[in-house]
Amino acid sequence: MDLSYDVRTNLLALVDLLNSSPDVSGEDSLASPQDLVDFAARHGFSGDMHATPLDVAAIGTLRERFEVALDDEIPPVADAINQTFEEIRTFPQLVRHEPWDWHIHFTRGNAPLSERIAADIVLVLIDLIRAGDLSRLRRCAASDCTAALADLTRNRSKRYCDVRNCANRTNVAAYRARRDAGA
């Protein structure tokens, strides 16, 4: 499956959301309303760019809820999707704005920022499940890393995250082990 621009964009937003956890990076990079506004701007969200402490708390809950998507098991992800749909006010509408052509928004532009982020995450997970591509979202293969990654390669070969330089660290460690074994 070739991933559409919006699926790729929202998948990368989901990975960034999951990797914002203190468990991954040592600190919560979405701990304040301004952090959340910066996150939304970085990922191209449109509409009202205002966040409250309630939005921050909702995003923290969402981050924990969707960590199950990293296990490549559809039923718990479907439960998380359905729970999120129950919590957010959805008003599906077809919209067009820069830089996107026609696409669907599940919330209004003036909905709370946390609801708009939740809607896009739910949509990308639905797209991945329906296409049989949930495995594109997974954990880093480095033994000392728990970060999420999005495998956007055609042959699904990406194994390491972009958070901690894990591919390089793993390759250097393997080289040193081979070198030491040969000495």
C-alpha atoms as a PDB file:
ATOM      1  CA  MET A   1       0.000   0.000   0.000  1.00  0.00           C
ATOM      2  CA  ASP A   2       1.262   3.455  -0.857  1.00  0.00           C
ATOM      3  CA  LEU A   3       0.376   5.654   2.073  1.00  0.00           C
ATOM      4  CA  SER A   4      -1.388   8.874   1.186  1.00  0.00           C
ATOM      5  CA  TYR A   5       0.022  12.186   2.316  1.00  0.00           C
ATOM      6  CA  ASP A   6      -2.529  12.584   5.119  1.00  0.00           C
ATOM      7  CA  VAL A   7      -1.973   9.040   6.395  1.00  0.00           C
ATOM      8  CA  ARG A   8       1.803   9.560   6.433  1.00  0.00           C
ATOM      9  CA  THR A   9       1.447  12.935   8.143  1.00  0.00           C
ATOM     10  CA  ASN A  10      -0.940  11.673  10.811  1.00  0.00           C
ATOM     11  CA  LEU A  11       1.112   8.525  11.377  1.00  0.00           C
ATOM     12  CA  LEU A  12       4.197  10.650  12.023  1.00  0.00           C
ATOM     13  CA  ALA A  13       2.135  12.818  14.402  1.00  0.00           C
ATOM     14  CA  LEU A  14       1.070   9.670  16.272  1.00  0.00           C
ATOM     15  CA  VAL A  15       4.688   8.493  16.546  1.00  0.00           C
ATOM     16  CA  ASP A  16       5.715  11.929  17.793  1.00  0.00           C
ATOM     17  CA  LEU A  17       2.874  11.843  20.327  1.00  0.00           C
ATOM     18  CA  LEU A  18       3.888   8.396  21.600  1.00  0.00           C
ATOM     19  CA  ASN A  19       7.546   9.429  21.778  1.00  0.00           C
ATOM     20  CA  SER A  20       6.697  12.543  23.816  1.00  0.00           C
ATOM     21  CA  SER A  21       6.275  10.342  26.881  1.00  0.00           C
ATOM     22  CA  PRO A  22       8.719  10.683  29.773  1.00  0.00           C
ATOM     23  CA  ASP A  23       9.225   6.906  29.505  1.00  0.00           C
ATOM     24  CA  VAL A  24      10.836   7.393  26.092  1.00  0.00           C
ATOM     25  CA  SER A  25      12.678  10.684  26.254  1.00  0.00           C
ATOM     26  CA  GLY A  26      13.126  11.179  29.983  1.00  0.00           C
ATOM     27  CA  GLU A  27      10.781  14.161  30.060  1.00  0.00           C
ATOM     28  CA  ASP A  28       7.217  14.911  28.969  1.00  0.00           C
ATOM     29  CA  SER A  29       7.582  17.059  25.874  1.00  0.00           C
ATOM     30  CA  LEU A  30       3.819  17.778  25.875  1.00  0.00           C
ATOM     31  CA  ALA A  31       3.566  19.012  29.462  1.00  0.00           C
ATOM     32  CA  SER A  32       2.203  22.503  28.839  1.00  0.00           C
ATOM     33  CA  PRO A  33      -0.410  24.162  26.650  1.00  0.00           C
ATOM     34  CA  GLN A  34       2.385  25.845  24.656  1.00  0.00           C
ATOM     35  CA  ASP A  35       4.054  22.449  24.087  1.00  0.00           C
ATOM     36  CA  LEU A  36       0.765  21.191  22.660  1.00  0.00           C
ATOM     37  CA  VAL A  37       0.338  24.240  20.407  1.00  0.00           C
ATOM     38  CA  ASP A  38       3.914  23.766  19.145  1.00  0.00           C
ATOM     39  CA  PHE A  39       3.190  20.060  18.502  1.00  0.00           C
ATOM     40  CA  ALA A  40       0.043  20.917  16.531  1.00  0.00           C
ATOM     41  CA  ALA A  41       1.856  23.564  14.489  1.00  0.00           C
ATOM     42  CA  ARG A  42       4.762  21.201  13.766  1.00  0.00           C
ATOM     43  CA  HIS A  43       2.298  18.626  12.422  1.00  0.00           C
ATOM     44  CA  GLY A  44       0.278  21.030  10.304  1.00  0.00           C
ATOM     45  CA  PHE A  45      -2.962  21.159  12.257  1.00  0.00           C
ATOM     46  CA  SER A  46      -5.369  23.832  11.110  1.00  0.00           C
ATOM     47  CA  GLY A  47      -7.999  25.794  12.983  1.00  0.00           C
ATOM     48  CA  ASP A  48      -7.789  27.424  16.387  1.00  0.00           C
ATOM     49  CA  MET A  49      -4.300  26.983  17.823  1.00  0.00           C
ATOM     50  CA  HIS A  50      -5.148  27.455  21.477  1.00  0.00           C
ATOM     51  CA  ALA A  51      -4.571  24.816  24.140  1.00  0.00           C
ATOM     52  CA  THR A  52      -5.601  24.625  27.782  1.00  0.00           C
ATOM     53  CA  PRO A  53      -4.407  22.504  30.696  1.00  0.00           C
ATOM     54  CA  LEU A  54      -7.447  20.286  30.001  1.00  0.00           C
ATOM     55  CA  ASP A  55      -6.158  19.696  26.458  1.00  0.00           C
ATOM     56  CA  VAL A  56      -2.758  18.745  27.883  1.00  0.00           C
ATOM     57  CA  ALA A  57      -4.380  16.234  30.261  1.00  0.00           C
ATOM     58  CA  ALA A  58      -6.525  14.819  27.443  1.00  0.00           C
ATOM     59  CA  ILE A  59      -3.471  14.370  25.220  1.00  0.00           C
ATOM     60  CA  GLY A  60      -1.649  12.563  28.041  1.00  0.00           C
ATOM     61  CA  THR A  61      -4.584  10.160  28.312  1.00  0.00           C
ATOM     62  CA  LEU A  62      -4.659   9.722  24.552  1.00  0.00           C
ATOM     63  CA  ARG A  63      -0.920   8.997  24.474  1.00  0.00           C
ATOM     64  CA  GLU A  64      -1.329   6.240  27.075  1.00  0.00           C
ATOM     65  CA  ARG A  65      -4.446   4.846  25.388  1.00  0.00           C
ATOM     66  CA  PHE A  66      -2.892   4.483  21.945  1.00  0.00           C
ATOM     67  CA  GLU A  67       0.336   2.905  23.102  1.00  0.00           C
ATOM     68  CA  VAL A  68      -1.500  -0.414  22.510  1.00  0.00           C
ATOM     69  CA  ALA A  69      -1.143   0.260  18.770  1.00  0.00           C
ATOM     70  CA  LEU A  70       2.560  -0.612  19.062  1.00  0.00           C
ATOM     71  CA  ASP A  71       1.678  -4.225  19.865  1.00  0.00           C
ATOM     72  CA  ASP A  72       0.106  -4.880  16.415  1.00  0.00           C
ATOM     73  CA  GLU A  73      -3.060  -6.356  17.945  1.00  0.00           C
ATOM     74  CA  ILE A  74      -6.198  -4.958  16.334  1.00  0.00           C
ATOM     75  CA  PRO A  75      -8.883  -5.610  19.013  1.00  0.00           C
ATOM     76  CA  PRO A  76      -7.324  -3.378  21.718  1.00  0.00           C
ATOM     77  CA  VAL A  77      -6.646  -0.660  19.136  1.00  0.00           C
ATOM     78  CA  ALA A  78     -10.265  -0.867  17.952  1.00  0.00           C
ATOM     79  CA  ASP A  79     -11.408  -0.520  21.575  1.00  0.00           C
ATOM     80  CA  ALA A  80      -9.190   2.568  21.986  1.00  0.00           C
ATOM     81  CA  ILE A  81     -10.572   4.041  18.748  1.00  0.00           C
ATOM     82  CA  ASN A  82     -14.173   3.461  19.816  1.00  0.00           C
ATOM     83  CA  GLN A  83     -13.548   4.887  23.283  1.00  0.00           C
ATOM     84  CA  THR A  84     -12.034   8.000  21.723  1.00  0.00           C
ATOM     85  CA  PHE A  85     -14.976   8.420  19.345  1.00  0.00           C
ATOM     86  CA  GLU A  86     -17.301   8.304  22.353  1.00  0.00           C
ATOM     87  CA  GLU A  87     -15.306  11.052  24.079  1.00  0.00           C
ATOM     88  CA  ILE A  88     -14.824  13.543  21.253  1.00  0.00           C
ATOM     89  CA  ARG A  89     -17.532  15.421  19.428  1.00  0.00           C
ATOM     90  CA  THR A  90     -17.331  14.327  15.824  1.00  0.00           C
ATOM     91  CA  PHE A  91     -18.792  16.328  12.977  1.00  0.00           C
ATOM     92  CA  PRO A  92     -17.374  14.767   9.821  1.00  0.00           C
ATOM     93  CA  GLN A  93     -16.951  17.266   7.034  1.00  0.00           C
ATOM     94  CA  LEU A  94     -15.122  17.430   3.745  1.00  0.00           C
ATOM     95  CA  VAL A  95     -12.716  20.377   3.699  1.00  0.00           C
ATOM     96  CA  ARG A  96      -9.923  21.863   1.635  1.00  0.00           C
ATOM     97  CA  HIS A  97      -7.209  24.204   2.891  1.00  0.00           C
ATOM     98  CA  GLU A  98      -3.531  24.812   2.279  1.00  0.00           C
ATOM     99  CA  PRO A  99      -1.434  22.719   1.830  1.00  0.00           C
ATOM    100  CA  TRP A 100      -4.042  19.943   1.512  1.00  0.00           C
ATOM    101  CA  ASP A 101      -6.536  19.167  -1.206  1.00  0.00           C
ATOM    102  CA  TRP A 102      -9.950  17.727  -0.285  1.00  0.00           C
ATOM    103  CA  HIS A 103      -9.866  15.614   2.862  1.00  0.00           C
ATOM    104  CA  ILE A 104     -12.035  14.816   5.849  1.00  0.00           C
ATOM    105  CA  HIS A 105     -12.009  16.495   9.238  1.00  0.00           C
ATOM    106  CA  PHE A 106     -13.873  14.751  12.022  1.00  0.00           C
ATOM    107  CA  THR A 107     -14.106  17.853  14.191  1.00  0.00           C
ATOM    108  CA  ARG A 108     -14.778  21.498  13.566  1.00  0.00           C
ATOM    109  CA  GLY A 109     -11.846  23.910  13.347  1.00  0.00           C
ATOM    110  CA  ASN A 110     -12.904  25.518  16.621  1.00  0.00           C
ATOM    111  CA  ALA A 111     -13.067  22.210  18.528  1.00  0.00           C
ATOM    112  CA  PRO A 112     -10.569  21.864  21.386  1.00  0.00           C
ATOM    113  CA  LEU A 113      -7.082  21.152  20.081  1.00  0.00           C
ATOM    114  CA  SER A 114      -6.926  17.828  21.924  1.00  0.00           C
ATOM    115  CA  GLU A 115     -10.101  16.649  20.136  1.00  0.00           C
ATOM    116  CA  ARG A 116      -8.715  17.588  16.728  1.00  0.00           C
ATOM    117  CA  ILE A 117      -5.490  15.706  17.432  1.00  0.00           C
ATOM    118  CA  ALA A 118      -7.469  12.729  18.739  1.00  0.00           C
ATOM    119  CA  ALA A 119      -9.633  12.667  15.606  1.00  0.00           C
ATOM    120  CA  ASP A 120      -6.620  12.605  13.282  1.00  0.00           C
ATOM    121  CA  ILE A 121      -4.975   9.837  15.279  1.00  0.00           C
ATOM    122  CA  VAL A 122      -8.151   7.784  15.226  1.00  0.00           C
ATOM    123  CA  LEU A 123      -8.432   8.292  11.470  1.00  0.00           C
ATOM    124  CA  VAL A 124      -4.875   7.167  10.769  1.00  0.00           C
ATOM    125  CA  LEU A 125      -5.302   4.071  12.927  1.00  0.00           C
ATOM    126  CA  ILE A 126      -8.538   3.221  11.122  1.00  0.00           C
ATOM    127  CA  ASP A 127      -6.753   3.617   7.768  1.00  0.00           C
ATOM    128  CA  LEU A 128      -3.891   1.371   8.885  1.00  0.00           C
ATOM    129  CA  ILE A 129      -6.206  -1.320  10.239  1.00  0.00           C
ATOM    130  CA  ARG A 130      -8.421  -1.333   7.146  1.00  0.00           C
ATOM    131  CA  ALA A 131      -5.365  -1.577   4.867  1.00  0.00           C
ATOM    132  CA  GLY A 132      -3.733  -4.328   6.950  1.00  0.00           C
ATOM    133  CA  ASP A 133      -0.830  -1.972   7.695  1.00  0.00           C
ATOM    134  CA  LEU A 134      -0.974  -1.576  11.487  1.00  0.00           C
ATOM    135  CA  SER A 135       2.445  -3.260  11.652  1.00  0.00           C
ATOM    136  CA  ARG A 136       3.935  -0.098  10.114  1.00  0.00           C
ATOM    137  CA  LEU A 137       3.629   1.353  13.615  1.00  0.00           C
ATOM    138  CA  ARG A 138       5.929  -0.417  16.061  1.00  0.00           C
ATOM    139  CA  ARG A 139       8.616  -0.146  18.704  1.00  0.00           C
ATOM    140  CA  CYS A 140      12.279   0.418  18.002  1.00  0.00           C
ATOM    141  CA  ALA A 141      14.283  -2.816  17.670  1.00  0.00           C
ATOM    142  CA  ALA A 142      17.138  -1.547  19.864  1.00  0.00           C
ATOM    143  CA  SER A 143      17.189  -3.549  23.079  1.00  0.00           C
ATOM    144  CA  ASP A 144      17.536  -0.431  25.239  1.00  0.00           C
ATOM    145  CA  CYS A 145      14.857   1.688  23.516  1.00  0.00           C
ATOM    146  CA  THR A 146      11.068   1.814  23.817  1.00  0.00           C
ATOM    147  CA  ALA A 147      10.419   4.564  21.242  1.00  0.00           C
ATOM    148  CA  ALA A 148       7.766   4.228  18.563  1.00  0.00           C
ATOM    149  CA  LEU A 149       8.558   4.344  14.867  1.00  0.00           C
ATOM    150  CA  ALA A 150       6.615   4.582  11.638  1.00  0.00           C
ATOM    151  CA  ASP A 151       7.932   2.296   8.925  1.00  0.00           C
ATOM    152  CA  LEU A 152       7.199   4.168   5.716  1.00  0.00           C
ATOM    153  CA  THR A 153       9.534   2.044   3.591  1.00  0.00           C
ATOM    154  CA  ARG A 154       8.129  -0.007   0.716  1.00  0.00           C
ATOM    155  CA  ASN A 155       9.665  -3.248   1.975  1.00  0.00           C
ATOM    156  CA  ARG A 156       8.858  -2.588   5.657  1.00  0.00           C
ATOM    157  CA  SER A 157      12.508  -2.760   6.622  1.00  0.00           C
ATOM    158  CA  LYS A 158      12.805   0.098   9.105  1.00  0.00           C
ATOM    159  CA  ARG A 159      13.794  -1.300  12.482  1.00  0.00           C
ATOM    160  CA  TYR A 160      15.113   1.619  14.502  1.00  0.00           C
ATOM    161  CA  CYS A 161      13.595   4.871  15.714  1.00  0.00           C
ATOM    162  CA  ASP A 162      14.797   8.369  14.983  1.00  0.00           C
ATOM    163  CA  VAL A 163      14.725   9.426  18.638  1.00  0.00           C
ATOM    164  CA  ARG A 164      17.997   8.137  20.054  1.00  0.00           C
ATOM    165  CA  ASN A 165      20.178   7.353  17.026  1.00  0.00           C
ATOM    166  CA  CYS A 166      19.519   3.670  17.688  1.00  0.00           C
ATOM    167  CA  ALA A 167      20.513   2.341  14.247  1.00  0.00           C
ATOM    168  CA  ASN A 168      23.948   3.908  14.494  1.00  0.00           C
ATOM    169  CA  ARG A 169      24.455   2.861  18.129  1.00  0.00           C
ATOM    170  CA  THR A 170      23.440  -0.732  17.339  1.00  0.00           C
ATOM    171  CA  ASN A 171      25.674  -0.950  14.275  1.00  0.00           C
ATOM    172  CA  VAL A 172      28.676   0.474  16.147  1.00  0.00           C
ATOM    173  CA  ALA A 173      28.129  -1.967  19.018  1.00  0.00           C
ATOM    174  CA  ALA A 174      27.916  -4.904  16.578  1.00  0.00           C
ATOM    175  CA  TYR A 175      31.089  -3.757  14.790  1.00  0.00           C
ATOM    176  CA  ARG A 176      32.968  -3.464  18.075  1.00  0.00           C
ATOM    177  CA  ALA A 177      31.778  -6.901  19.184  1.00  0.00           C
ATOM    178  CA  ARG A 178      32.970  -8.450  15.895  1.00  0.00           C
ATOM    179  CA  ARG A 179      36.280  -6.610  16.130  1.00  0.00           C
ATOM    180  CA  ASP A 180      36.822  -7.692  19.743  1.00  0.00           C
ATOM    181  CA  ALA A 181      35.884 -11.293  18.908  1.00  0.00           C
ATOM    182  CA  GLY A 182      38.456 -11.351  16.101  1.00  0.00           C
ATOM    183  CA  ALA A 183      41.263  -9.935  18.251  1.00  0.00           C
END
